[in-house]
Amino acid sequence: MRDRDYSIRPATPADLDAARAVMLDTVYRDFGTGYVPRWHGDVIDLAGAYVTPQRHALLVAVDADGEVVATGALDSRGPAHPPNPAHVAERYPSGVTAQLRRVYVRREHRRRGLARRLADELLAFAVADGGYRAVYLHTDPAVTGAEPFWRSLGKVVHDEREDAGGGQGIVHFDVPLDGLDGLDGLAGLARAR
């Protein structure tokens, strides 16, 4: 399958179980942590976390057979301290920070541009919202391909591996809003909501 064999769209209520399955499979298979309520509570209540709130979004990538094969989300919650470093939480306060979350692609559908397309659509949504001052995300560099992918879109603002004791080993990123004005994609979703 090629990139164009997939469609990306806002998740509907009918997509939520399949989107949740993609997310849970990722945390079990790729992260090796399994479901941890304090980290993954949003995955259980996708509608409450991403679909219902006005400034949040949940996107799905659907293959030619109609199967949800990838997800991407955005919310207006900045990173919490703890577990994140205090200076990161202070730099990205809730309400004015768009946090990219749950950009996950099933293994058999990777390397086809889906993560990039999802990220681009979510960034366009953040720009169209007009109320976000920053875009933040964090990643676990132990997940194959995650760190280089996010480095291609943003800049590192804190690498916990450099902390005494290594922190959680997480890498925190800022995706500059400057220059994103040309993204349009599903940005109309932000204006329509």
C-alpha atoms as a PDB file:
ATOM      1  CA  MET A   1       0.000   0.000   0.000  1.00  0.00           C
ATOM      2  CA  ARG A   2       1.130   3.502  -0.759  1.00  0.00           C
ATOM      3  CA  ASP A   3       0.525   6.678   1.212  1.00  0.00           C
ATOM      4  CA  ARG A   4      -2.369   7.671  -1.032  1.00  0.00           C
ATOM      5  CA  ASP A   5      -4.153   4.383  -0.299  1.00  0.00           C
ATOM      6  CA  TYR A   6      -5.009   5.764   3.140  1.00  0.00           C
ATOM      7  CA  SER A   7      -7.411   8.449   4.192  1.00  0.00           C
ATOM      8  CA  ILE A   8      -6.963  10.616   7.256  1.00  0.00           C
ATOM      9  CA  ARG A   9     -10.001  12.063   8.928  1.00  0.00           C
ATOM     10  CA  PRO A  10     -11.410  13.119  12.292  1.00  0.00           C
ATOM     11  CA  ALA A  11     -12.405  10.104  14.355  1.00  0.00           C
ATOM     12  CA  THR A  12     -16.112   9.353  14.558  1.00  0.00           C
ATOM     13  CA  PRO A  13     -17.790   7.588  17.489  1.00  0.00           C
ATOM     14  CA  ALA A  14     -17.707   4.408  15.384  1.00  0.00           C
ATOM     15  CA  ASP A  15     -13.881   4.665  15.151  1.00  0.00           C
ATOM     16  CA  LEU A  16     -13.156   4.921  18.873  1.00  0.00           C
ATOM     17  CA  ASP A  17     -12.828   1.214  19.666  1.00  0.00           C
ATOM     18  CA  ALA A  18     -10.480   0.652  16.731  1.00  0.00           C
ATOM     19  CA  ALA A  19      -8.437   3.756  17.598  1.00  0.00           C
ATOM     20  CA  ARG A  20      -8.185   2.571  21.207  1.00  0.00           C
ATOM     21  CA  ALA A  21      -6.970  -0.827  19.965  1.00  0.00           C
ATOM     22  CA  VAL A  22      -4.187   0.818  17.918  1.00  0.00           C
ATOM     23  CA  MET A  23      -3.130   2.829  20.976  1.00  0.00           C
ATOM     24  CA  LEU A  24      -3.233  -0.059  23.430  1.00  0.00           C
ATOM     25  CA  ASP A  25      -1.387  -2.351  21.027  1.00  0.00           C
ATOM     26  CA  THR A  26       1.318   0.325  20.808  1.00  0.00           C
ATOM     27  CA  VAL A  27       1.764   0.727  24.564  1.00  0.00           C
ATOM     28  CA  TYR A  28       1.903  -3.036  25.056  1.00  0.00           C
ATOM     29  CA  ARG A  29       3.979  -4.068  22.025  1.00  0.00           C
ATOM     30  CA  ASP A  30       6.200  -1.060  21.291  1.00  0.00           C
ATOM     31  CA  PHE A  31       6.558   0.633  24.661  1.00  0.00           C
ATOM     32  CA  GLY A  32       6.530  -2.556  26.691  1.00  0.00           C
ATOM     33  CA  THR A  33       4.825  -0.760  29.581  1.00  0.00           C
ATOM     34  CA  GLY A  34       1.300  -1.954  29.062  1.00  0.00           C
ATOM     35  CA  TYR A  35      -1.590   0.230  30.120  1.00  0.00           C
ATOM     36  CA  VAL A  36      -0.617   2.573  32.957  1.00  0.00           C
ATOM     37  CA  PRO A  37      -3.646   4.621  34.122  1.00  0.00           C
ATOM     38  CA  ARG A  38      -1.695   7.771  35.039  1.00  0.00           C
ATOM     39  CA  TRP A  39      -0.032   7.810  31.605  1.00  0.00           C
ATOM     40  CA  HIS A  40      -2.748   6.360  29.376  1.00  0.00           C
ATOM     41  CA  GLY A  41      -6.064   7.321  30.985  1.00  0.00           C
ATOM     42  CA  ASP A  42      -6.985   9.354  27.904  1.00  0.00           C
ATOM     43  CA  VAL A  43      -6.877   6.167  25.817  1.00  0.00           C
ATOM     44  CA  ILE A  44      -9.802   4.713  27.741  1.00  0.00           C
ATOM     45  CA  ASP A  45     -11.966   7.847  27.363  1.00  0.00           C
ATOM     46  CA  LEU A  46     -11.073   9.022  23.851  1.00  0.00           C
ATOM     47  CA  ALA A  47     -14.355  10.879  23.426  1.00  0.00           C
ATOM     48  CA  GLY A  48     -13.902  12.809  26.672  1.00  0.00           C
ATOM     49  CA  ALA A  49     -10.224  13.475  26.039  1.00  0.00           C
ATOM     50  CA  TYR A  50     -10.237  14.401  22.348  1.00  0.00           C
ATOM     51  CA  VAL A  51     -13.590  14.267  20.556  1.00  0.00           C
ATOM     52  CA  THR A  52     -15.884  16.321  22.780  1.00  0.00           C
ATOM     53  CA  PRO A  53     -13.578  19.217  23.863  1.00  0.00           C
ATOM     54  CA  GLN A  54     -13.704  22.066  21.352  1.00  0.00           C
ATOM     55  CA  ARG A  55      -9.963  22.643  21.001  1.00  0.00           C
ATOM     56  CA  HIS A  56      -8.934  18.984  20.921  1.00  0.00           C
ATOM     57  CA  ALA A  57      -8.738  16.567  18.010  1.00  0.00           C
ATOM     58  CA  LEU A  58      -8.469  12.846  17.372  1.00  0.00           C
ATOM     59  CA  LEU A  59      -7.549  11.776  13.861  1.00  0.00           C
ATOM     60  CA  VAL A  60      -7.457   8.303  12.366  1.00  0.00           C
ATOM     61  CA  ALA A  61      -5.779   6.929   9.283  1.00  0.00           C
ATOM     62  CA  VAL A  62      -7.958   4.371   7.527  1.00  0.00           C
ATOM     63  CA  ASP A  63      -6.735   1.899   4.924  1.00  0.00           C
ATOM     64  CA  ALA A  64      -8.520   0.956   1.691  1.00  0.00           C
ATOM     65  CA  ASP A  65     -10.523  -1.700   3.597  1.00  0.00           C
ATOM     66  CA  GLY A  66     -11.812   0.852   6.115  1.00  0.00           C
ATOM     67  CA  GLU A  67      -9.614  -0.387   8.977  1.00  0.00           C
ATOM     68  CA  VAL A  68      -8.178   2.168  11.419  1.00  0.00           C
ATOM     69  CA  VAL A  69      -4.411   1.666  11.171  1.00  0.00           C
ATOM     70  CA  ALA A  70      -3.033   4.832  12.799  1.00  0.00           C
ATOM     71  CA  THR A  71      -4.017   7.565  15.221  1.00  0.00           C
ATOM     72  CA  GLY A  72      -2.990  11.060  16.188  1.00  0.00           C
ATOM     73  CA  ALA A  73      -4.378  13.395  18.823  1.00  0.00           C
ATOM     74  CA  LEU A  74      -3.991  16.939  20.060  1.00  0.00           C
ATOM     75  CA  ASP A  75      -5.152  18.521  23.278  1.00  0.00           C
ATOM     76  CA  SER A  76      -4.732  21.781  25.166  1.00  0.00           C
ATOM     77  CA  ARG A  77      -3.169  20.212  28.245  1.00  0.00           C
ATOM     78  CA  GLY A  78       0.439  21.097  28.825  1.00  0.00           C
ATOM     79  CA  PRO A  79       2.841  18.558  30.307  1.00  0.00           C
ATOM     80  CA  ALA A  80       2.290  17.918  34.013  1.00  0.00           C
ATOM     81  CA  HIS A  81       4.941  18.169  36.705  1.00  0.00           C
ATOM     82  CA  PRO A  82       5.616  15.575  37.971  1.00  0.00           C
ATOM     83  CA  PRO A  83       6.473  13.386  36.128  1.00  0.00           C
ATOM     84  CA  ASN A  84       7.868  15.919  33.626  1.00  0.00           C
ATOM     85  CA  PRO A  85      10.562  18.405  34.636  1.00  0.00           C
ATOM     86  CA  ALA A  86       9.181  21.572  36.261  1.00  0.00           C
ATOM     87  CA  HIS A  87      10.809  23.909  33.731  1.00  0.00           C
ATOM     88  CA  VAL A  88       9.140  22.017  30.853  1.00  0.00           C
ATOM     89  CA  ALA A  89       5.708  22.214  32.524  1.00  0.00           C
ATOM     90  CA  GLU A  90       6.187  25.948  33.167  1.00  0.00           C
ATOM     91  CA  ARG A  91       7.237  26.600  29.558  1.00  0.00           C
ATOM     92  CA  TYR A  92       4.139  24.846  28.167  1.00  0.00           C
ATOM     93  CA  PRO A  93       1.095  25.823  30.262  1.00  0.00           C
ATOM     94  CA  SER A  94      -2.299  24.263  29.674  1.00  0.00           C
ATOM     95  CA  GLY A  95      -4.738  26.280  27.592  1.00  0.00           C
ATOM     96  CA  VAL A  96      -2.143  27.895  25.321  1.00  0.00           C
ATOM     97  CA  THR A  97      -0.141  24.766  24.510  1.00  0.00           C
ATOM     98  CA  ALA A  98      -1.195  22.275  21.875  1.00  0.00           C
ATOM     99  CA  GLN A  99       0.196  18.900  22.886  1.00  0.00           C
ATOM    100  CA  LEU A 100       0.608  16.298  20.165  1.00  0.00           C
ATOM    101  CA  ARG A 101      -0.225  12.879  21.515  1.00  0.00           C
ATOM    102  CA  ARG A 102      -0.876   9.296  20.480  1.00  0.00           C
ATOM    103  CA  VAL A 103       0.663   9.472  16.996  1.00  0.00           C
ATOM    104  CA  TYR A 104       0.783   5.707  16.574  1.00  0.00           C
ATOM    105  CA  VAL A 105       0.916   3.586  13.426  1.00  0.00           C
ATOM    106  CA  ARG A 106       0.415  -0.176  13.338  1.00  0.00           C
ATOM    107  CA  ARG A 107       3.698  -1.913  12.524  1.00  0.00           C
ATOM    108  CA  GLU A 108       2.567  -3.330   9.196  1.00  0.00           C
ATOM    109  CA  HIS A 109       1.575   0.167   7.996  1.00  0.00           C
ATOM    110  CA  ARG A 110       4.739   2.037   8.991  1.00  0.00           C
ATOM    111  CA  ARG A 111       7.194   3.735   6.635  1.00  0.00           C
ATOM    112  CA  ARG A 112       4.373   4.975   4.406  1.00  0.00           C
ATOM    113  CA  GLY A 113       4.187   8.587   5.571  1.00  0.00           C
ATOM    114  CA  LEU A 114       1.186   8.166   7.871  1.00  0.00           C
ATOM    115  CA  ALA A 115       2.811   9.610  10.993  1.00  0.00           C
ATOM    116  CA  ARG A 116       3.961  12.651   9.006  1.00  0.00           C
ATOM    117  CA  ARG A 117       0.514  13.174   7.500  1.00  0.00           C
ATOM    118  CA  LEU A 118      -1.143  12.862  10.912  1.00  0.00           C
ATOM    119  CA  ALA A 119       1.333  15.284  12.473  1.00  0.00           C
ATOM    120  CA  ASP A 120       0.841  17.783   9.632  1.00  0.00           C
ATOM    121  CA  GLU A 121      -2.953  17.639  10.029  1.00  0.00           C
ATOM    122  CA  LEU A 122      -2.701  18.112  13.795  1.00  0.00           C
ATOM    123  CA  LEU A 123      -0.322  21.048  13.377  1.00  0.00           C
ATOM    124  CA  ALA A 124      -2.716  22.621  10.866  1.00  0.00           C
ATOM    125  CA  PHE A 125      -5.502  22.165  13.416  1.00  0.00           C
ATOM    126  CA  ALA A 126      -3.390  23.941  16.081  1.00  0.00           C
ATOM    127  CA  VAL A 127      -2.663  26.855  13.747  1.00  0.00           C
ATOM    128  CA  ALA A 128      -6.323  27.180  12.720  1.00  0.00           C
ATOM    129  CA  ASP A 129      -7.416  27.225  16.367  1.00  0.00           C
ATOM    130  CA  GLY A 130      -5.603  30.541  16.788  1.00  0.00           C
ATOM    131  CA  GLY A 131      -5.310  30.269  20.565  1.00  0.00           C
ATOM    132  CA  TYR A 132      -2.197  28.148  20.857  1.00  0.00           C
ATOM    133  CA  ARG A 133       1.166  29.826  21.505  1.00  0.00           C
ATOM    134  CA  ALA A 134       3.211  26.628  21.356  1.00  0.00           C
ATOM    135  CA  VAL A 135       3.146  23.013  20.225  1.00  0.00           C
ATOM    136  CA  TYR A 136       4.718  20.489  22.587  1.00  0.00           C
ATOM    137  CA  LEU A 137       5.269  16.740  22.515  1.00  0.00           C
ATOM    138  CA  HIS A 138       7.437  14.172  24.191  1.00  0.00           C
ATOM    139  CA  THR A 139       8.647  10.799  23.061  1.00  0.00           C
ATOM    140  CA  ASP A 140      10.369   7.726  24.357  1.00  0.00           C
ATOM    141  CA  PRO A 141      13.574   7.402  22.328  1.00  0.00           C
ATOM    142  CA  ALA A 142      13.623   3.650  23.001  1.00  0.00           C
ATOM    143  CA  VAL A 143      10.776   3.287  20.474  1.00  0.00           C
ATOM    144  CA  THR A 144      12.341   2.578  17.085  1.00  0.00           C
ATOM    145  CA  GLY A 145      12.150   5.604  14.791  1.00  0.00           C
ATOM    146  CA  ALA A 146      10.332   7.896  17.233  1.00  0.00           C
ATOM    147  CA  GLU A 147      13.164  10.248  18.134  1.00  0.00           C
ATOM    148  CA  PRO A 148      14.471  10.832  14.582  1.00  0.00           C
ATOM    149  CA  PHE A 149      10.924  11.385  13.347  1.00  0.00           C
ATOM    150  CA  TRP A 150      10.155  14.052  15.943  1.00  0.00           C
ATOM    151  CA  ARG A 151      13.588  15.664  15.506  1.00  0.00           C
ATOM    152  CA  SER A 152      12.643  16.168  11.843  1.00  0.00           C
ATOM    153  CA  LEU A 153       9.624  18.245  12.914  1.00  0.00           C
ATOM    154  CA  GLY A 154      10.716  20.019  16.065  1.00  0.00           C
ATOM    155  CA  LYS A 155      13.576  20.974  18.309  1.00  0.00           C
ATOM    156  CA  VAL A 156      14.597  19.311  21.546  1.00  0.00           C
ATOM    157  CA  VAL A 157      13.914  21.462  24.597  1.00  0.00           C
ATOM    158  CA  HIS A 158      14.953  18.853  27.158  1.00  0.00           C
ATOM    159  CA  ASP A 159      16.517  15.418  26.920  1.00  0.00           C
ATOM    160  CA  GLU A 160      16.051  13.590  30.202  1.00  0.00           C
ATOM    161  CA  ARG A 161      18.826  11.156  29.310  1.00  0.00           C
ATOM    162  CA  GLU A 162      21.202  14.041  30.072  1.00  0.00           C
ATOM    163  CA  ASP A 163      19.793  14.490  33.604  1.00  0.00           C
ATOM    164  CA  ALA A 164      21.550  13.048  36.612  1.00  0.00           C
ATOM    165  CA  GLY A 165      20.095   9.542  36.856  1.00  0.00           C
ATOM    166  CA  GLY A 166      18.536   9.813  33.379  1.00  0.00           C
ATOM    167  CA  GLY A 167      15.096  10.963  34.556  1.00  0.00           C
ATOM    168  CA  GLN A 168      12.433   8.986  32.709  1.00  0.00           C
ATOM    169  CA  GLY A 169      14.601   8.898  29.590  1.00  0.00           C
ATOM    170  CA  ILE A 170      12.032  11.008  27.739  1.00  0.00           C
ATOM    171  CA  VAL A 171      12.859  13.615  25.091  1.00  0.00           C
ATOM    172  CA  HIS A 172      10.718  16.786  25.090  1.00  0.00           C
ATOM    173  CA  PHE A 173      10.154  18.747  21.862  1.00  0.00           C
ATOM    174  CA  ASP A 174       8.881  22.107  20.707  1.00  0.00           C
ATOM    175  CA  VAL A 175       7.382  22.305  17.226  1.00  0.00           C
ATOM    176  CA  PRO A 176       7.612  25.931  16.102  1.00  0.00           C
ATOM    177  CA  LEU A 177       4.320  27.458  15.018  1.00  0.00           C
ATOM    178  CA  ASP A 178       6.220  29.882  12.760  1.00  0.00           C
ATOM    179  CA  GLY A 179       5.994  28.768   9.167  1.00  0.00           C
ATOM    180  CA  LEU A 180       3.030  26.468   9.739  1.00  0.00           C
ATOM    181  CA  ASP A 181       0.516  28.929   8.306  1.00  0.00           C
ATOM    182  CA  GLY A 182       0.656  27.172   4.933  1.00  0.00           C
ATOM    183  CA  LEU A 183      -0.732  23.939   6.371  1.00  0.00           C
ATOM    184  CA  ASP A 184      -4.430  23.657   5.651  1.00  0.00           C
ATOM    185  CA  GLY A 185      -5.434  19.975   5.608  1.00  0.00           C
ATOM    186  CA  LEU A 186      -8.246  19.353   8.054  1.00  0.00           C
ATOM    187  CA  ALA A 187      -7.738  22.745   9.674  1.00  0.00           C
ATOM    188  CA  GLY A 188     -11.310  23.618   8.778  1.00  0.00           C
ATOM    189  CA  LEU A 189     -12.245  21.188  11.522  1.00  0.00           C
ATOM    190  CA  ALA A 190     -10.929  23.659  14.110  1.00  0.00           C
ATOM    191  CA  ARG A 191     -12.961  26.495  12.631  1.00  0.00           C
ATOM    192  CA  ALA A 192     -16.102  24.373  12.279  1.00  0.00           C
ATOM    193  CA  ARG A 193     -16.158  23.141  15.869  1.00  0.00           C
END
